[in-house]
Amino acid sequence: MLTYTPGSTVVHRLDPRTKLCFQFGFAVAAFATPTVLRLAGLFVVGIASLSLSGLAIREALRAYWFVLLVLLLGPLIAAITLGSPWLRLDPAIESLRSVARIVPILFVSAAYIHATPVRDTRAAIQQTIPGRPGQLLGVGVALTFRYIPVLRDDLRQIRDAVSARGGDTRSMQDRTGRIATLILARALSHSDRLSVALQTRCFAWNPTLPRLEFARRDYLVLGATVLLAATVFVPL
């Protein structure tokens, strides 16, 4: 599971607002016409983002293995037909091009998660979106980043416990029902403890968040983001 890792790389030192804008511009460029040249450029930028953040490609692939597995099913399904010739390559290749542009987006998002503290993300959101909507969105994103790893660990512990008690001998439906019930109970328990903890610590909608300030490198990245998004209008 990807989480923030302290470091001093170029991506770590960027303002979180710059990194969020870059992700948006990169996604805009990725969803343009998926030509071979454009896909190659997207992969170069995605891999460069991982390298500049200090995150290995294999770690990003390991974190998103299930998403990548689901994406690979698209071309396989597109290739199957219900009649002769049963398999067609042209739809599969077109689907593969569409699916391939998601992979570099995942690389960029992995670099962001690896190099950005949760508090900085919340500060960027609340300073960009004024008022209570920004505060609500900032709190929601912060809690999501913090509790997804917790819920994933709970799911792993429950699955191991069910297997240790002979759950592997039961039907898939029975195992799924037991795991779903237990993980829901764990999630509700976490939410109750979170509510009490927030009240105990006098939760504030507008706490003292890190001060954000653009540096020269941020303006360079923002300029590159604009150029990257503008490639949508350039035929390749």
Foldseek 3Di string as FASTA:
>chain_A
DFAADDDDFPLLPAQLLLLVLLLVLLVLLLPFDLDPVSLVVLQVVLVVLCVRLVHDPVVLCVVCVVVVVVLLVQLVVQQADPDPPRGDNPSSVSSCSNSSSVVSSSSSVSSSRHNDHLLSQLVSQPVVDDDDVSLVVSVVSSVCSVCVVVLVVVLVVQLVVCVVVVVVVDDPVVSVVVSVVSSVVVVVVVVVVVVVVCVVVVPDSDDDTDDTDGDPVSVVSSVVSVVSSVCSVPDD
